[in-house]
Amino acid sequence: MAQRKSSSRSRGGRKYGRKSGQKVERAMHEMKRGQLKSGRSGKKVTSRKQAVAIGLSEARRAGAKVPARRSSRRKK
């Protein structure tokens, strides 16, 4: 039998903290009410994915447990 490495998540660790979930939830509520604005352009956010991304970036700034952003890959 091959032994498997046990990661922190398999031992019960969490990928996202509770505070990050709260930030995403708040951003989603704002988006549904039409009050969530994009940081750079100031336009109203309509995309779900964008609302989640804004919530996670706010959580990162607040120091919540959130994985690092994916690095962008250069296209060949």
C-alpha atoms as a PDB file:
ATOM      1  CA  MET A   1       0.000   0.000   0.000  1.00  0.00           C
ATOM      2  CA  ALA A   2       1.204   3.457  -0.834  1.00  0.00           C
ATOM      3  CA  GLN A   3       1.143   5.971   1.976  1.00  0.00           C
ATOM      4  CA  ARG A   4      -0.648   9.209   1.338  1.00  0.00           C
ATOM      5  CA  LYS A   5       0.559  12.535   2.685  1.00  0.00           C
ATOM      6  CA  SER A   6      -2.044  14.102   4.911  1.00  0.00           C
ATOM      7  CA  SER A   7      -2.503  17.779   4.273  1.00  0.00           C
ATOM      8  CA  SER A   8      -3.852  20.239   6.807  1.00  0.00           C
ATOM      9  CA  ARG A   9      -7.249  20.228   5.083  1.00  0.00           C
ATOM     10  CA  SER A  10      -7.597  16.447   5.278  1.00  0.00           C
ATOM     11  CA  ARG A  11      -6.889  16.725   9.003  1.00  0.00           C
ATOM     12  CA  GLY A  12      -9.725  19.195   9.463  1.00  0.00           C
ATOM     13  CA  GLY A  13      -8.120  22.489   8.420  1.00  0.00           C
ATOM     14  CA  ARG A  14     -10.181  24.968   6.446  1.00  0.00           C
ATOM     15  CA  LYS A  15      -9.265  26.688   3.213  1.00  0.00           C
ATOM     16  CA  TYR A  16     -11.300  29.831   3.965  1.00  0.00           C
ATOM     17  CA  GLY A  17     -11.896  31.425   7.361  1.00  0.00           C
ATOM     18  CA  ARG A  18     -15.258  32.495   8.783  1.00  0.00           C
ATOM     19  CA  LYS A  19     -14.550  36.194   8.291  1.00  0.00           C
ATOM     20  CA  SER A  20     -13.889  35.702   4.579  1.00  0.00           C
ATOM     21  CA  GLY A  21     -17.305  34.059   4.206  1.00  0.00           C
ATOM     22  CA  GLN A  22     -18.932  37.001   5.947  1.00  0.00           C
ATOM     23  CA  LYS A  23     -17.203  39.485   3.614  1.00  0.00           C
ATOM     24  CA  VAL A  24     -18.339  37.564   0.526  1.00  0.00           C
ATOM     25  CA  GLU A  25     -21.882  37.347   1.902  1.00  0.00           C
ATOM     26  CA  ARG A  26     -21.956  41.119   2.471  1.00  0.00           C
ATOM     27  CA  ALA A  27     -20.673  41.785  -1.051  1.00  0.00           C
ATOM     28  CA  MET A  28     -23.345  39.495  -2.534  1.00  0.00           C
ATOM     29  CA  HIS A  29     -26.107  41.305  -0.620  1.00  0.00           C
ATOM     30  CA  GLU A  30     -24.827  44.656  -1.856  1.00  0.00           C
ATOM     31  CA  MET A  31     -24.721  43.354  -5.423  1.00  0.00           C
ATOM     32  CA  LYS A  32     -28.313  42.113  -5.196  1.00  0.00           C
ATOM     33  CA  ARG A  33     -29.429  45.518  -3.921  1.00  0.00           C
ATOM     34  CA  GLY A  34     -27.467  47.213  -6.729  1.00  0.00           C
ATOM     35  CA  GLN A  35     -25.148  49.041  -4.331  1.00  0.00           C
ATOM     36  CA  LEU A  36     -21.861  47.209  -5.012  1.00  0.00           C
ATOM     37  CA  LYS A  37     -19.478  49.332  -7.071  1.00  0.00           C
ATOM     38  CA  SER A  38     -16.274  48.339  -8.812  1.00  0.00           C
ATOM     39  CA  GLY A  39     -13.216  49.796  -7.113  1.00  0.00           C
ATOM     40  CA  ARG A  40     -11.387  51.127 -10.137  1.00  0.00           C
ATOM     41  CA  SER A  41     -14.086  52.374 -12.490  1.00  0.00           C
ATOM     42  CA  GLY A  42     -16.879  52.887  -9.961  1.00  0.00           C
ATOM     43  CA  LYS A  43     -19.412  51.083 -12.164  1.00  0.00           C
ATOM     44  CA  LYS A  44     -22.190  48.936 -10.710  1.00  0.00           C
ATOM     45  CA  VAL A  45     -21.222  45.253 -10.379  1.00  0.00           C
ATOM     46  CA  THR A  46     -23.676  42.789 -11.955  1.00  0.00           C
ATOM     47  CA  SER A  47     -21.572  39.627 -12.128  1.00  0.00           C
ATOM     48  CA  ARG A  48     -21.692  37.032  -9.335  1.00  0.00           C
ATOM     49  CA  LYS A  49     -18.045  36.116  -9.832  1.00  0.00           C
ATOM     50  CA  GLN A  50     -17.022  39.738  -9.574  1.00  0.00           C
ATOM     51  CA  ALA A  51     -18.969  40.147  -6.330  1.00  0.00           C
ATOM     52  CA  VAL A  52     -17.234  37.100  -4.825  1.00  0.00           C
ATOM     53  CA  ALA A  53     -13.833  38.401  -5.957  1.00  0.00           C
ATOM     54  CA  ILE A  54     -14.509  41.787  -4.335  1.00  0.00           C
ATOM     55  CA  GLY A  55     -15.588  40.097  -1.090  1.00  0.00           C
ATOM     56  CA  LEU A  56     -12.451  37.937  -0.993  1.00  0.00           C
ATOM     57  CA  SER A  57     -10.140  40.864  -1.693  1.00  0.00           C
ATOM     58  CA  GLU A  58     -11.772  42.811   1.153  1.00  0.00           C
ATOM     59  CA  ALA A  59     -11.262  39.794   3.406  1.00  0.00           C
ATOM     60  CA  ARG A  60      -7.575  39.642   2.433  1.00  0.00           C
ATOM     61  CA  ARG A  61      -7.149  43.310   3.338  1.00  0.00           C
ATOM     62  CA  ALA A  62      -8.879  42.681   6.683  1.00  0.00           C
ATOM     63  CA  GLY A  63      -6.439  39.847   7.423  1.00  0.00           C
ATOM     64  CA  ALA A  64      -8.873  36.922   7.131  1.00  0.00           C
ATOM     65  CA  LYS A  65      -7.747  33.419   6.193  1.00  0.00           C
ATOM     66  CA  VAL A  66      -8.013  33.373   2.409  1.00  0.00           C
ATOM     67  CA  PRO A  67      -5.753  31.582  -0.096  1.00  0.00           C
ATOM     68  CA  ALA A  68      -3.442  33.790  -2.156  1.00  0.00           C
ATOM     69  CA  ARG A  69      -4.669  35.070  -5.494  1.00  0.00           C
ATOM     70  CA  ARG A  70      -3.893  32.936  -8.521  1.00  0.00           C
ATOM     71  CA  SER A  71      -0.959  34.263 -10.469  1.00  0.00           C
ATOM     72  CA  SER A  72      -1.797  35.247 -14.030  1.00  0.00           C
ATOM     73  CA  ARG A  73      -0.075  33.165 -16.653  1.00  0.00           C
ATOM     74  CA  ARG A  74       1.389  34.642 -19.780  1.00  0.00           C
ATOM     75  CA  LYS A  75      -0.214  33.319 -22.967  1.00  0.00           C
ATOM     76  CA  LYS A  76       2.097  31.921 -25.626  1.00  0.00           C
END
